């Protein structure tokens, strides 16, 4: 299993997956207009975040990196709480 950087290019309004193997991103991070939104545990999680962002923002209008980053950070906080609650109740 390998981690994945979920990156966004504000000019192109596109999301991009950048695999991390042996702690090294496949393509250099934060270059050519791409900026890292999130470090995901695997491709499945990266795709879930990307799908959410696409439906929430990119389908309907132009989005900024800052608003997508804030959304991803809030989702991570929310999921962290859910994870802790789930593990406490087991």
N, C-alpha and C. Protein backbone atom coordinates (compact mmCIF):
# COMPACT_ATOMS: atom_id res chain seq x y z
N UNK A 1 0.84 -1.18 0.00
CA UNK A 1 0.00 0.00 0.00
C UNK A 1 0.88 1.24 0.00
N UNK A 2 0.46 2.28 -0.67
CA UNK A 2 1.23 3.50 -0.71
C UNK A 2 0.30 4.69 -0.51
N UNK A 3 0.86 5.77 -0.03
CA UNK A 3 0.08 6.99 0.18
C UNK A 3 -0.04 7.75 -1.13
N UNK A 4 -1.00 8.68 -1.15
CA UNK A 4 -1.28 9.45 -2.35
C UNK A 4 -1.48 10.92 -1.97
N UNK A 5 -0.82 11.80 -2.69
CA UNK A 5 -1.08 13.23 -2.54
C UNK A 5 -2.25 13.58 -3.44
N UNK A 6 -3.26 14.23 -2.87
CA UNK A 6 -4.34 14.76 -3.69
C UNK A 6 -4.00 16.22 -3.94
N UNK A 7 -3.82 16.56 -5.20
CA UNK A 7 -3.37 17.90 -5.57
C UNK A 7 -4.43 18.59 -6.42
N UNK A 8 -4.40 19.92 -6.41
CA UNK A 8 -5.37 20.72 -7.16
C UNK A 8 -4.63 21.79 -7.94
N UNK A 9 -5.07 21.99 -9.17
CA UNK A 9 -4.55 23.07 -10.01
C UNK A 9 -5.70 24.06 -10.19
N UNK A 10 -5.56 25.22 -9.55
CA UNK A 10 -6.63 26.21 -9.56
C UNK A 10 -6.90 26.74 -10.96
N UNK A 11 -5.86 26.97 -11.73
CA UNK A 11 -6.04 27.49 -13.09
C UNK A 11 -6.82 26.52 -13.98
N UNK A 12 -6.45 25.23 -13.88
CA UNK A 12 -7.10 24.20 -14.70
C UNK A 12 -8.39 23.68 -14.08
N UNK A 13 -8.60 23.96 -12.78
CA UNK A 13 -9.75 23.44 -12.05
C UNK A 13 -9.79 21.91 -12.11
N UNK A 14 -8.62 21.32 -11.89
CA UNK A 14 -8.49 19.86 -11.96
C UNK A 14 -7.85 19.33 -10.69
N UNK A 15 -8.25 18.12 -10.32
CA UNK A 15 -7.62 17.38 -9.22
C UNK A 15 -6.68 16.36 -9.83
N UNK A 16 -5.65 15.98 -9.06
CA UNK A 16 -4.59 15.12 -9.56
C UNK A 16 -4.12 14.22 -8.43
N UNK A 17 -3.86 12.96 -8.76
CA UNK A 17 -3.31 12.00 -7.79
C UNK A 17 -1.81 11.87 -8.02
N UNK A 18 -1.05 12.00 -6.95
CA UNK A 18 0.41 11.89 -7.02
C UNK A 18 0.83 10.84 -6.01
N UNK A 19 1.14 9.65 -6.49
CA UNK A 19 1.50 8.53 -5.62
C UNK A 19 2.82 8.76 -4.90
N UNK A 20 2.88 8.33 -3.66
CA UNK A 20 4.10 8.41 -2.87
C UNK A 20 4.61 6.98 -2.67
N UNK A 21 5.79 6.71 -3.18
CA UNK A 21 6.41 5.39 -3.02
C UNK A 21 7.76 5.57 -2.37
N UNK A 22 8.02 4.81 -1.31
CA UNK A 22 9.26 4.94 -0.55
C UNK A 22 9.47 6.38 -0.07
N UNK A 23 8.38 7.00 0.36
CA UNK A 23 8.37 8.37 0.89
C UNK A 23 8.74 9.44 -0.14
N UNK A 24 8.64 9.11 -1.43
CA UNK A 24 8.98 10.07 -2.49
C UNK A 24 7.79 10.18 -3.45
N UNK A 25 7.26 11.40 -3.65
CA UNK A 25 6.17 11.57 -4.62
C UNK A 25 6.63 11.22 -6.03
N UNK A 26 5.72 10.65 -6.80
CA UNK A 26 6.01 10.27 -8.18
C UNK A 26 6.44 11.49 -9.00
N UNK A 27 5.72 12.59 -8.85
CA UNK A 27 6.13 13.85 -9.46
C UNK A 27 6.37 14.85 -8.35
N UNK A 28 7.26 15.80 -8.58
CA UNK A 28 7.63 16.76 -7.55
C UNK A 28 6.38 17.50 -7.05
N UNK A 29 6.30 17.60 -5.74
CA UNK A 29 5.14 18.21 -5.09
C UNK A 29 5.13 19.73 -5.31
N UNK A 30 3.92 20.26 -5.49
CA UNK A 30 3.68 21.71 -5.61
C UNK A 30 4.45 22.36 -6.76
N UNK A 31 4.38 21.72 -7.92
CA UNK A 31 5.00 22.29 -9.12
C UNK A 31 4.00 22.32 -10.26
N UNK A 32 4.27 23.15 -11.25
CA UNK A 32 3.45 23.27 -12.46
C UNK A 32 1.99 23.60 -12.15
N UNK A 33 1.77 24.40 -11.13
CA UNK A 33 0.42 24.82 -10.78
C UNK A 33 -0.32 23.90 -9.83
N UNK A 34 0.24 22.72 -9.56
CA UNK A 34 -0.40 21.78 -8.64
C UNK A 34 -0.02 22.14 -7.21
N UNK A 35 -1.02 22.08 -6.31
CA UNK A 35 -0.78 22.31 -4.88
C UNK A 35 -1.43 21.18 -4.10
N UNK A 36 -0.74 20.72 -3.07
CA UNK A 36 -1.23 19.60 -2.28
C UNK A 36 -2.38 20.02 -1.39
N UNK A 37 -3.50 19.30 -1.54
CA UNK A 37 -4.66 19.47 -0.68
C UNK A 37 -4.62 18.53 0.52
N UNK A 38 -4.15 17.31 0.28
CA UNK A 38 -4.23 16.29 1.33
C UNK A 38 -3.26 15.15 1.03
N UNK A 39 -2.75 14.56 2.10
CA UNK A 39 -1.99 13.32 2.00
C UNK A 39 -2.93 12.21 2.42
N UNK A 40 -3.26 11.33 1.49
CA UNK A 40 -4.24 10.28 1.73
C UNK A 40 -3.54 8.94 1.99
N UNK A 41 -4.16 8.13 2.81
CA UNK A 41 -3.58 6.83 3.17
C UNK A 41 -3.47 5.88 1.98
N UNK A 42 -4.35 6.04 1.01
CA UNK A 42 -4.31 5.18 -0.17
C UNK A 42 -5.15 5.81 -1.28
N UNK A 43 -5.16 5.19 -2.43
CA UNK A 43 -5.88 5.73 -3.59
C UNK A 43 -7.38 5.78 -3.34
N UNK A 44 -7.91 4.80 -2.63
CA UNK A 44 -9.34 4.78 -2.34
C UNK A 44 -9.75 6.06 -1.60
N UNK A 45 -9.03 6.42 -0.56
CA UNK A 45 -9.35 7.63 0.19
C UNK A 45 -9.15 8.89 -0.66
N UNK A 46 -8.12 8.90 -1.48
CA UNK A 46 -7.89 10.05 -2.36
C UNK A 46 -9.07 10.22 -3.32
N UNK A 47 -9.58 9.12 -3.84
CA UNK A 47 -10.72 9.18 -4.75
C UNK A 47 -11.99 9.64 -4.04
N UNK A 48 -12.17 9.23 -2.78
CA UNK A 48 -13.34 9.69 -2.03
C UNK A 48 -13.29 11.19 -1.80
N UNK A 49 -12.14 11.71 -1.40
CA UNK A 49 -11.99 13.15 -1.22
C UNK A 49 -12.21 13.88 -2.55
N UNK A 50 -11.62 13.37 -3.61
CA UNK A 50 -11.76 14.00 -4.93
C UNK A 50 -13.21 14.00 -5.39
N UNK A 51 -13.91 12.89 -5.20
CA UNK A 51 -15.32 12.81 -5.59
C UNK A 51 -16.15 13.84 -4.82
N UNK A 52 -15.91 13.95 -3.53
CA UNK A 52 -16.63 14.92 -2.72
C UNK A 52 -16.37 16.34 -3.22
N UNK A 53 -15.11 16.68 -3.43
CA UNK A 53 -14.76 18.03 -3.88
C UNK A 53 -15.34 18.33 -5.26
N UNK A 54 -15.34 17.32 -6.10
CA UNK A 54 -15.88 17.51 -7.44
C UNK A 54 -17.37 17.84 -7.37
N UNK A 55 -18.12 17.08 -6.60
CA UNK A 55 -19.57 17.31 -6.49
C UNK A 55 -19.85 18.61 -5.75
N UNK A 56 -19.11 18.87 -4.69
CA UNK A 56 -19.36 20.05 -3.86
C UNK A 56 -19.01 21.36 -4.56
N UNK A 57 -17.94 21.35 -5.35
CA UNK A 57 -17.43 22.60 -5.93
C UNK A 57 -17.30 22.57 -7.45
N UNK A 58 -16.53 21.65 -7.95
CA UNK A 58 -16.04 21.73 -9.33
C UNK A 58 -17.10 21.51 -10.40
N UNK A 59 -18.18 20.81 -10.06
CA UNK A 59 -19.25 20.60 -11.05
C UNK A 59 -19.97 21.89 -11.38
N UNK A 60 -20.06 22.81 -10.41
CA UNK A 60 -20.94 23.95 -10.56
C UNK A 60 -20.27 25.30 -10.77
N UNK A 61 -19.01 25.42 -10.35
CA UNK A 61 -18.39 26.74 -10.43
C UNK A 61 -16.88 26.62 -10.27
N UNK A 62 -16.21 27.74 -10.47
CA UNK A 62 -14.77 27.80 -10.28
C UNK A 62 -14.48 27.83 -8.78
N UNK A 63 -13.51 27.05 -8.35
CA UNK A 63 -13.15 26.95 -6.94
C UNK A 63 -11.74 27.46 -6.72
N UNK A 64 -11.48 27.93 -5.52
CA UNK A 64 -10.12 28.37 -5.18
C UNK A 64 -9.43 27.27 -4.38
N UNK A 65 -8.11 27.28 -4.45
CA UNK A 65 -7.34 26.33 -3.66
C UNK A 65 -7.66 26.49 -2.18
N UNK A 66 -7.76 27.72 -1.71
CA UNK A 66 -7.98 27.97 -0.28
C UNK A 66 -9.28 27.36 0.20
N UNK A 67 -10.37 27.51 -0.56
CA UNK A 67 -11.64 26.94 -0.09
C UNK A 67 -11.61 25.42 -0.13
N UNK A 68 -10.96 24.83 -1.13
CA UNK A 68 -10.85 23.37 -1.16
C UNK A 68 -9.98 22.88 -0.01
N UNK A 69 -8.90 23.59 0.28
CA UNK A 69 -8.00 23.20 1.38
C UNK A 69 -8.74 23.27 2.71
N UNK A 70 -9.51 24.34 2.93
CA UNK A 70 -10.29 24.47 4.17
C UNK A 70 -11.30 23.33 4.30
N UNK A 71 -11.94 22.99 3.20
CA UNK A 71 -12.91 21.89 3.22
C UNK A 71 -12.24 20.57 3.55
N UNK A 72 -11.12 20.29 2.93
CA UNK A 72 -10.39 19.05 3.19
C UNK A 72 -9.93 19.00 4.65
N UNK A 73 -9.41 20.10 5.16
CA UNK A 73 -8.98 20.14 6.56
C UNK A 73 -10.15 19.90 7.50
N UNK A 74 -11.31 20.50 7.22
CA UNK A 74 -12.49 20.28 8.04
C UNK A 74 -12.98 18.84 7.95
N UNK A 75 -12.94 18.25 6.76
CA UNK A 75 -13.31 16.85 6.62
C UNK A 75 -12.38 15.95 7.43
N UNK A 76 -11.08 16.24 7.39
CA UNK A 76 -10.13 15.45 8.16
C UNK A 76 -10.41 15.54 9.66
N UNK A 77 -10.73 16.73 10.16
CA UNK A 77 -11.08 16.90 11.58
C UNK A 77 -12.33 16.11 11.92
N UNK A 78 -13.35 16.22 11.08
CA UNK A 78 -14.60 15.50 11.29
C UNK A 78 -14.37 13.99 11.31
N UNK A 79 -13.66 13.49 10.32
CA UNK A 79 -13.40 12.05 10.23
C UNK A 79 -12.57 11.55 11.41
N UNK A 80 -11.67 12.38 11.89
CA UNK A 80 -10.86 12.02 13.05
C UNK A 80 -11.74 11.83 14.28
N UNK A 81 -12.70 12.71 14.48
CA UNK A 81 -13.62 12.60 15.61
C UNK A 81 -14.48 11.35 15.46
N UNK A 82 -15.00 11.12 14.29
CA UNK A 82 -15.81 9.92 14.04
C UNK A 82 -15.00 8.66 14.31
N UNK A 83 -13.77 8.65 13.87
CA UNK A 83 -12.88 7.50 14.09
C UNK A 83 -12.68 7.26 15.58
N UNK A 84 -12.42 8.33 16.34
CA UNK A 84 -12.22 8.19 17.79
C UNK A 84 -13.48 7.69 18.47
N UNK A 85 -14.64 8.24 18.12
CA UNK A 85 -15.91 7.80 18.71
C UNK A 85 -16.15 6.33 18.39
N UNK A 86 -15.92 5.95 17.17
CA UNK A 86 -16.12 4.55 16.76
C UNK A 86 -15.22 3.61 17.57
N UNK A 87 -13.98 3.99 17.76
CA UNK A 87 -13.03 3.11 18.48
C UNK A 87 -13.31 3.08 19.98
N UNK A 88 -13.85 4.17 20.53
CA UNK A 88 -14.20 4.18 21.96
C UNK A 88 -15.37 3.25 22.22
N UNK A 89 -16.31 3.18 21.30
CA UNK A 89 -17.53 2.40 21.48
C UNK A 89 -17.36 0.92 21.15
N UNK A 90 -16.17 0.52 20.81
CA UNK A 90 -15.96 -0.91 20.48
C UNK A 90 -15.51 -1.69 21.69
